[in-house]
Protein backbone atom coordinates (compact mmCIF):
# COMPACT_ATOMS: atom_id res chain seq x y z
CA MET A 1 -24.50 3.70 2.56
CA ARG A 2 -22.62 4.56 -0.62
CA VAL A 3 -18.81 4.81 -0.46
CA ILE A 4 -16.30 5.66 -3.18
CA PHE A 5 -12.51 5.36 -2.87
CA ARG A 6 -10.14 7.60 -4.86
CA VAL A 7 -6.82 5.74 -4.93
CA ASP A 8 -4.11 4.85 -7.44
CA SER A 9 -1.30 2.37 -7.92
CA SER A 10 1.59 2.37 -10.37
CA PHE A 11 5.17 1.18 -10.68
CA GLU A 12 6.22 4.35 -8.83
CA ILE A 13 3.34 4.61 -6.35
CA GLY A 14 3.42 0.90 -5.55
CA THR A 15 0.56 -1.32 -4.44
CA GLY A 16 0.25 -0.43 -0.76
CA HIS A 17 -2.36 2.33 -1.10
CA VAL A 18 -4.77 0.11 -3.02
CA MET A 19 -4.17 -2.86 -0.74
CA ARG A 20 -4.96 -0.98 2.45
CA CYS A 21 -8.04 0.58 0.84
CA LEU A 22 -9.23 -2.91 -0.10
CA VAL A 23 -9.03 -3.92 3.56
CA LEU A 24 -11.40 -1.13 4.55
CA ALA A 25 -13.57 -1.62 1.45
CA LYS A 26 -14.20 -5.27 2.30
CA ILE A 27 -15.26 -4.42 5.85
CA LEU A 28 -17.62 -1.75 4.56
CA LYS A 29 -19.08 -4.18 2.02
CA GLU A 30 -19.61 -6.81 4.72
CA ASN A 31 -21.63 -4.17 6.57
CA ASN A 32 -23.92 -3.65 3.56
CA SER A 33 -22.25 -0.57 2.07
CA ASN A 34 -22.19 -0.04 -1.68
CA VAL A 35 -18.47 0.41 -2.37
CA GLU A 36 -16.82 1.55 -5.62
CA PHE A 37 -13.40 2.84 -6.69
CA ILE A 38 -12.02 5.60 -8.91
CA CYS A 39 -8.53 4.86 -10.27
CA ARG A 40 -6.34 6.38 -12.96
CA GLN A 41 -4.84 4.06 -15.57
CA HIS A 42 -1.19 4.48 -14.63
CA GLN A 43 1.33 1.92 -15.81
CA GLY A 44 1.15 -0.76 -13.15
CA HIS A 45 -2.44 -0.05 -12.05
CA LEU A 46 -4.38 -2.64 -10.04
CA VAL A 47 -7.83 -2.09 -11.53
CA ASN A 48 -8.24 -5.77 -12.38
CA LYS A 49 -7.28 -6.83 -8.86
CA ILE A 50 -9.85 -4.47 -7.36
CA ARG A 51 -12.51 -5.89 -9.66
CA LEU A 52 -11.51 -9.46 -8.78
CA ASN A 53 -12.19 -8.51 -5.16
CA GLY A 54 -15.77 -7.70 -6.15
CA PHE A 55 -15.75 -3.91 -6.59
CA ASN A 56 -16.74 -1.70 -9.50
CA VAL A 57 -13.96 0.61 -10.71
CA TYR A 58 -14.34 3.86 -12.66
CA GLU A 59 -11.18 4.37 -14.71
CA LEU A 60 -9.58 7.73 -15.48
CA ASP A 61 -7.25 8.16 -18.46
CA SER A 62 -3.52 8.45 -17.88
CA LEU A 63 -1.68 11.31 -19.57
CA GLU A 64 1.65 10.96 -21.37
CA LYS A 65 2.98 14.30 -20.12
CA VAL A 66 2.47 14.89 -16.42
CA PRO A 67 2.19 18.55 -15.27
CA VAL A 68 4.57 19.62 -12.51
CA ASN A 69 3.15 21.26 -9.40
CA ASN A 70 5.84 22.28 -6.95
CA ALA A 71 3.26 22.81 -4.21
CA LEU A 72 3.18 19.08 -3.43
CA PRO A 73 6.29 16.85 -3.43
CA TYR A 74 4.45 13.92 -5.03
CA SER A 75 2.18 15.87 -7.40
CA HIS A 76 3.48 14.03 -10.48
CA MET A 77 2.03 10.77 -9.15
CA LEU A 78 -1.49 11.99 -9.91
CA GLY A 79 -0.92 11.92 -13.66
CA THR A 80 -2.57 15.31 -14.10
CA THR A 81 -3.28 18.47 -12.09
CA GLN A 82 -5.45 18.33 -8.99
CA ASN A 83 -7.93 20.61 -10.75
CA GLN A 84 -8.25 18.28 -13.73
CA ASP A 85 -8.44 15.18 -11.55
CA ALA A 86 -11.17 16.84 -9.49
CA ASN A 87 -13.11 17.69 -12.66
CA ASP A 88 -12.76 14.10 -13.89
CA CYS A 89 -14.11 12.81 -10.58
CA ILE A 90 -16.96 15.34 -10.54
CA GLY A 91 -18.03 14.02 -13.93
CA LEU A 92 -18.45 10.60 -12.33
CA LEU A 93 -20.00 11.71 -9.03
CA LYS A 94 -22.33 14.56 -9.99
CA ASN A 95 -25.38 12.30 -10.43
CA LYS A 96 -24.63 10.04 -7.45
CA LYS A 97 -25.42 10.50 -3.79
CA ILE A 98 -22.14 9.72 -2.01
CA ASP A 99 -22.20 9.27 1.76
CA TRP A 100 -18.43 8.86 2.14
CA LEU A 101 -15.61 9.71 -0.22
CA ILE A 102 -12.35 8.08 0.92
CA VAL A 103 -9.07 9.39 -0.54
CA ASP A 104 -5.67 7.71 -0.29
CA HIS A 105 -3.25 9.67 -2.48
CA TYR A 106 -0.03 11.59 -1.78
CA ALA A 107 -0.80 14.02 -4.65
CA ILE A 108 -4.16 15.19 -3.31
CA ASP A 109 -4.73 17.87 -0.66
CA GLU A 110 -7.39 20.39 0.32
CA GLU A 111 -7.43 21.99 -3.15
CA TRP A 112 -8.98 18.83 -4.58
CA GLN A 113 -11.05 18.09 -1.48
CA ILE A 114 -12.74 21.52 -1.42
CA LYS A 115 -13.66 21.28 -5.09
CA LEU A 116 -15.31 17.87 -4.51
CA ASN A 117 -17.12 19.03 -1.35
CA PRO A 118 -20.59 19.46 -2.97
CA TYR A 119 -20.59 15.84 -4.15
CA TYR A 120 -20.24 13.92 -0.87
CA LYS A 121 -21.58 14.09 2.67
CA LYS A 122 -18.36 13.13 4.47
CA LEU A 123 -14.70 12.82 3.51
CA MET A 124 -12.10 10.44 4.93
CA VAL A 125 -8.37 10.73 4.14
CA ILE A 126 -5.85 7.92 4.53
CA ASP A 127 -2.33 9.34 4.81
CA ASP A 128 1.08 8.65 6.32
CA LEU A 129 3.08 11.76 5.41
CA ALA A 130 1.57 14.56 7.54
CA ASN A 131 2.96 17.08 5.06
CA ARG A 132 -0.05 18.89 3.54
CA ASN A 133 -3.41 20.46 4.36
CA HIS A 134 -6.60 18.40 4.35
CA ARG A 135 -10.26 19.42 4.56
CA CYS A 136 -11.74 16.17 5.84
CA ASP A 137 -13.99 14.69 8.53
CA ILE A 138 -11.75 11.73 9.40
CA LEU A 139 -8.03 11.25 8.84
CA LEU A 140 -6.40 7.86 9.40
CA ASP A 141 -2.62 7.61 9.64
CA GLN A 142 -1.42 4.18 10.75
CA THR A 143 2.23 5.21 11.13
CA PHE A 144 3.82 3.85 14.30
CA GLY A 145 4.37 6.65 16.80
CA ARG A 146 2.25 9.20 14.96
CA GLU A 147 1.10 12.01 17.33
CA LEU A 148 -1.68 14.60 17.25
CA GLU A 149 0.79 17.47 16.93
CA ASP A 150 2.05 15.98 13.65
CA TYR A 151 -1.21 17.18 12.06
CA SER A 152 -1.42 20.46 13.95
CA GLY A 153 -2.68 23.10 11.51
CA LEU A 154 -3.08 20.58 8.70
CA THR A 155 -6.67 19.49 9.43
CA PRO A 156 -9.81 21.36 10.58
CA LYS A 157 -10.81 21.29 14.24
CA TYR A 158 -13.81 19.06 13.52
CA CYS A 159 -11.62 16.36 11.94
CA ASN A 160 -11.44 13.08 13.86
CA LEU A 161 -7.79 11.95 13.83
CA LEU A 162 -7.16 8.19 13.97
CA LEU A 163 -3.41 7.98 14.51
CA GLY A 164 -0.94 5.21 15.19
CA SER A 165 -0.45 1.54 14.43
CA LYS A 166 -3.53 0.50 16.45
CA TYR A 167 -5.50 1.68 13.40
CA ALA A 168 -3.41 -0.39 10.95
CA LEU A 169 -5.41 -1.59 7.96
CA LEU A 170 -4.40 -5.25 7.96
CA ARG A 171 -6.19 -8.08 6.19
CA THR A 172 -7.95 -10.59 8.46
CA GLU A 173 -5.51 -13.32 7.44
CA PHE A 174 -2.82 -11.63 9.55
CA PHE A 175 -4.90 -11.93 12.70
CA GLU A 176 -5.70 -15.55 11.85
CA TRP A 177 -2.00 -16.44 11.56
CA ARG A 178 -0.70 -14.21 14.37
CA ASP A 179 -0.94 -16.72 17.23
CA TYR A 180 0.77 -19.46 15.22
CA SER A 181 3.51 -17.06 14.12
CA LEU A 182 4.25 -15.80 17.63
CA LYS A 183 4.42 -19.32 19.06
CA ARG A 184 6.99 -20.29 16.40
CA ARG A 185 9.31 -17.61 17.77
CA ILE A 186 9.44 -18.86 21.36
CA ASN A 187 12.42 -20.99 20.33
CA PRO A 188 13.89 -18.97 17.44
CA LYS A 189 15.78 -20.55 14.55
CA PHE A 190 17.07 -19.41 11.17
CA ASN A 191 15.98 -21.77 8.42
CA GLN A 192 13.63 -19.53 6.41
CA LEU A 193 14.61 -16.12 5.00
CA LEU A 194 11.93 -13.99 3.35
CA VAL A 195 12.75 -11.18 0.89
CA ASN A 196 9.89 -8.85 -0.07
CA MET A 197 10.65 -5.31 -1.21
CA GLY A 198 7.12 -4.17 -1.94
CA GLY A 199 4.61 -4.68 -4.70
CA PHE A 200 6.54 -3.57 -7.82
CA ASP A 201 9.99 -2.62 -6.48
CA ALA A 202 10.63 -0.10 -9.26
CA GLY A 203 14.19 0.46 -8.00
CA ASN A 204 15.08 -3.26 -8.22
CA VAL A 205 16.20 -3.42 -4.61
CA THR A 206 15.22 -7.11 -4.67
CA GLY A 207 17.83 -7.86 -7.32
CA ARG A 208 20.53 -6.07 -5.37
CA VAL A 209 19.58 -7.82 -2.13
CA VAL A 210 19.72 -11.22 -3.83
CA ARG A 211 23.16 -10.47 -5.25
CA GLU A 212 24.39 -9.48 -1.80
CA LEU A 213 23.04 -12.78 -0.46
CA GLN A 214 25.17 -14.61 -3.03
CA THR A 215 28.26 -13.62 -1.03
CA CYS A 216 26.81 -14.12 2.47
CA THR A 217 27.59 -17.05 4.71
CA LEU A 218 24.19 -18.50 5.65
CA PRO A 219 23.12 -21.82 7.19
CA ASN A 220 23.41 -24.66 4.68
CA GLU A 221 19.82 -25.75 5.33
CA ILE A 222 18.34 -22.31 4.72
CA THR A 223 15.54 -21.65 2.23
CA ILE A 224 15.29 -18.16 0.72
CA THR A 225 11.83 -17.10 -0.42
CA ILE A 226 11.46 -14.04 -2.65
CA VAL A 227 7.95 -12.60 -3.03
CA MET A 228 7.29 -10.28 -5.97
CA SER A 229 4.66 -9.10 -8.41
CA ALA A 230 4.51 -10.72 -11.83
CA LYS A 231 4.26 -7.13 -13.14
CA SER A 232 7.58 -6.08 -11.60
CA PRO A 233 9.70 -4.36 -14.28
CA HIS A 234 12.81 -6.13 -12.93
CA LEU A 235 11.46 -9.68 -12.58
CA LYS A 236 13.78 -11.06 -15.27
CA ASP A 237 16.86 -9.66 -13.53
CA VAL A 238 15.76 -11.13 -10.19
CA LEU A 239 15.18 -14.54 -11.77
CA ILE A 240 18.76 -14.52 -13.07
CA ALA A 241 20.14 -13.45 -9.69
CA VAL A 242 18.14 -16.11 -7.81
CA ASP A 243 19.39 -18.79 -10.18
CA GLU A 244 22.94 -17.94 -9.08
CA LEU A 245 22.25 -18.24 -5.34
CA PRO A 246 24.21 -21.04 -3.64
CA TYR A 247 21.24 -21.75 -1.35
CA LYS A 248 17.84 -23.34 -1.85
CA SER A 249 15.58 -20.55 -3.07
CA GLU A 250 12.19 -19.87 -4.63
CA ILE A 251 10.33 -16.94 -6.19
CA LEU A 252 6.61 -16.58 -5.44
CA LEU A 253 4.55 -14.24 -7.65
CA ASP A 254 1.30 -12.43 -6.82
CA VAL A 255 0.69 -14.43 -3.65
CA ASP A 256 -2.61 -14.29 -1.78
CA ASN A 257 -1.30 -15.93 1.42
CA MET A 258 1.27 -13.39 2.60
CA ALA A 259 0.37 -13.85 6.27
CA GLU A 260 1.07 -17.59 6.04
CA ILE A 261 4.40 -16.93 4.30
CA MET A 262 5.43 -14.42 6.98
CA ALA A 263 4.29 -16.71 9.78
CA ASN A 264 6.60 -19.45 8.51
CA ALA A 265 9.60 -17.18 7.92
CA ASP A 266 12.30 -16.77 10.56
CA ILE A 267 13.81 -13.48 9.38
CA ALA A 268 12.76 -11.05 6.66
CA ILE A 269 14.37 -8.38 4.52
CA GLY A 270 11.59 -6.05 3.51
CA ALA A 271 10.26 -2.68 2.46
CA SER A 272 9.35 -0.06 5.04
CA GLY A 273 5.78 0.64 3.91
CA SER A 274 2.55 -1.06 4.93
CA SER A 275 4.22 -4.47 4.91
CA SER A 276 6.30 -3.41 7.92
CA LEU A 277 3.09 -3.36 9.98
CA GLU A 278 2.23 -6.82 8.68
CA ARG A 279 5.61 -8.15 9.81
CA CYS A 280 5.16 -6.55 13.23
CA CYS A 281 1.76 -8.23 13.57
CA MET A 282 3.45 -11.56 12.82
CA GLY A 283 6.30 -10.87 15.26
CA LEU A 284 8.66 -11.47 12.34
CA PRO A 285 12.18 -10.07 12.86
CA TRP A 286 13.13 -7.98 9.85
CA HIS A 287 15.59 -5.59 8.34
CA THR A 288 14.86 -2.84 5.85
CA SER A 289 17.42 -2.93 3.06
CA CYS A 290 19.51 0.24 2.78
CA ILE A 291 21.36 -0.77 -0.38
CA ALA A 292 22.05 2.36 -2.45
């Protein structure tokens, strides 16, 4: 079976879309599927990471001036129009026999999907907004509490809707560490604080959280762990802020053992995207920062 993912990452988009696609891609590969990716070269793309995970990536050029399409709230994240992106993808797919095309992108809807229809047998969409029309065979939305009526009129009748956190795309490491993590919380304590505001944290919420922690009264024996990407545009500012913390602290960059880190944390301050499902799997108490 041949599968191609259409997904992007950038400083604005973040890393979550690519990371959850990689979870599914690895499972498909383990079941003897030929899996490839199509990604646009936005600033902050994860093409190299995808390749390091063993997948071929077709790269699309990024444009300096992004067209505005008021039809979709996140249209600018595509880096071009849906029509142009579809044409770019058709150029790659027209001589291939694709069994499944899997799309995870806030800036793509049925306009793009219909144009690509002749070039795949089945289409799967990964979404968590429920705010636009899709022409797909399967739609997966792992949002906690998501209901069928949320997609009423947005998908065709033949579409199989996989909704709710039971369909969460979590890496196997989280299931491996889950039992250990839950047992640690039988007798709760507060010695390890984890701060992780997403892959790139374009808004530098991490820096503002760390500066708030400078004035907080915390246990003397606490260790504060900040997890970030080495590509974060605000890494330098966070390093300065962490250096001024009156508590033992560390910054970890581009980690590949997030489940272990969460399992050994007592409380977390974190982003509200896909990582919130990871923290729930670990039973890790957490707060989403609302610093303005």
